[in-house]
Amino acid sequence: MSLSSSVNIKVNNINIRLQKLSEIGDSIKEKLEELAKQTEKNLNLEKLQSMIDELKQVQIDLKLKLEKQTSRLKKAFPKMQAQIKQKRIEVREKIEKVKNKRSRL
């Protein structure tokens, strides 16, 4: 396995995690909408709140894993630091987009 393909595999893993992060953000939004609907009906709010808290924890865990993976890539391939830094910047931008979507709720 060449160095380039190894980095591509790692970057693909990062992209998959970013997609999961985006899906979790969307799921949080859906749960909040459900919560708003059920607030009107006064139904099991605690259960929904716990579900939302769990999803937020999963989202935080994914963010940490992404940061760890990018830092490991940086250490593993010091000659490719420029590319890794660019990918890290892209990852952070995507995370910021997810945060902005979440803050609009």
Protein backbone atom coordinates (compact mmCIF):
# COMPACT_ATOMS: atom_id res chain seq x y z
CA MET A 1 0.00 0.00 0.00
CA SER A 2 1.50 3.28 -1.03
CA LEU A 3 1.71 6.37 1.11
CA SER A 4 -0.82 8.22 -1.04
CA SER A 5 -3.45 5.49 -0.86
CA SER A 6 -2.99 5.25 2.89
CA VAL A 7 -3.67 8.96 3.27
CA ASN A 8 -6.68 8.70 0.94
CA ILE A 9 -8.13 5.91 3.06
CA LYS A 10 -7.67 7.99 6.20
CA VAL A 11 -9.23 11.03 4.51
CA ASN A 12 -12.16 8.88 3.38
CA ASN A 13 -12.64 7.78 6.99
CA ILE A 14 -12.70 11.43 8.00
CA ASN A 15 -15.30 12.15 5.32
CA ILE A 16 -17.46 9.31 6.61
CA ARG A 17 -17.25 10.69 10.13
CA LEU A 18 -18.11 14.17 8.90
CA GLN A 19 -21.16 12.73 7.19
CA LYS A 20 -22.17 10.99 10.42
CA LEU A 21 -21.64 14.27 12.28
CA SER A 22 -23.92 16.03 9.84
CA GLU A 23 -26.54 13.27 10.19
CA ILE A 24 -26.40 13.56 13.96
CA GLY A 25 -26.90 17.33 13.67
CA ASP A 26 -29.94 16.73 11.49
CA SER A 27 -31.20 14.12 13.94
CA ILE A 28 -30.84 16.61 16.80
CA LYS A 29 -32.85 19.11 14.80
CA GLU A 30 -35.59 16.53 14.20
CA LYS A 31 -35.67 15.63 17.90
CA LEU A 32 -35.96 19.31 18.81
CA GLU A 33 -38.88 19.67 16.41
CA GLU A 34 -40.48 16.61 18.01
CA LEU A 35 -39.85 18.17 21.39
CA ALA A 36 -41.56 21.37 20.30
CA LYS A 37 -44.58 19.43 19.04
CA GLN A 38 -44.77 17.34 22.16
CA THR A 39 -44.40 20.39 24.39
CA GLU A 40 -47.75 21.47 23.08
CA LYS A 41 -49.15 18.06 23.93
CA ASN A 42 -47.26 17.81 27.25
CA LEU A 43 -45.98 14.30 26.46
CA ASN A 44 -42.89 12.56 27.81
CA LEU A 45 -40.45 15.51 27.57
CA GLU A 46 -37.80 13.96 29.75
CA LYS A 47 -37.41 11.02 27.39
CA LEU A 48 -36.91 13.28 24.38
CA GLN A 49 -34.48 15.49 26.25
CA SER A 50 -32.40 12.46 27.23
CA MET A 51 -32.39 11.30 23.59
CA ILE A 52 -31.17 14.73 22.48
CA ASP A 53 -28.48 14.74 25.16
CA GLU A 54 -27.29 11.32 24.02
CA LEU A 55 -27.09 12.48 20.40
CA LYS A 56 -25.13 15.55 21.44
CA GLN A 57 -22.68 13.32 23.33
CA VAL A 58 -22.23 11.13 20.26
CA GLN A 59 -21.62 14.27 18.22
CA ILE A 60 -18.96 15.46 20.67
CA ASP A 61 -17.30 12.04 20.61
CA LEU A 62 -17.16 12.08 16.81
CA LYS A 63 -15.58 15.53 16.85
CA LEU A 64 -12.88 14.32 19.23
CA LYS A 65 -12.21 11.24 17.10
CA LEU A 66 -11.85 13.44 14.02
CA GLU A 67 -9.36 15.69 15.76
CA LYS A 68 -7.37 12.68 17.01
CA GLN A 69 -7.32 11.09 13.58
CA THR A 70 -6.13 14.26 11.87
CA SER A 71 -3.41 14.79 14.45
CA ARG A 72 -2.27 11.16 14.03
CA LEU A 73 -2.10 11.67 10.28
CA LYS A 74 0.00 14.76 10.82
CA LYS A 75 2.44 12.84 13.02
CA ALA A 76 2.53 9.79 10.77
CA PHE A 77 3.28 11.69 7.59
CA PRO A 78 5.41 14.72 8.43
CA LYS A 79 6.37 15.25 4.77
CA MET A 80 2.72 15.61 3.90
CA GLN A 81 1.95 18.18 6.58
CA ALA A 82 0.71 20.76 4.11
CA GLN A 83 -1.93 18.39 2.74
CA ILE A 84 -2.90 17.24 6.19
CA LYS A 85 -3.18 20.82 7.41
CA GLN A 86 -5.43 21.61 4.45
CA LYS A 87 -7.65 18.61 5.25
CA ARG A 88 -7.74 19.64 8.90
CA ILE A 89 -8.83 23.12 7.90
CA GLU A 90 -11.55 21.61 5.71
CA VAL A 91 -12.69 19.39 8.58
CA ARG A 92 -12.89 22.36 10.92
CA GLU A 93 -14.85 24.35 8.33
CA LYS A 94 -17.33 21.50 7.97
CA ILE A 95 -17.65 21.27 11.75
CA GLU A 96 -18.31 25.02 11.87
CA LYS A 97 -21.04 24.58 9.25
CA VAL A 98 -22.66 21.91 11.41
CA LYS A 99 -22.41 24.19 14.44
CA ASN A 100 -24.01 27.04 12.49
CA LYS A 101 -26.85 24.78 11.38
CA ARG A 102 -27.37 23.71 14.97
CA SER A 103 -27.29 27.29 16.28
CA ARG A 104 -30.06 28.27 13.83
CA LEU A 105 -32.44 25.92 15.61
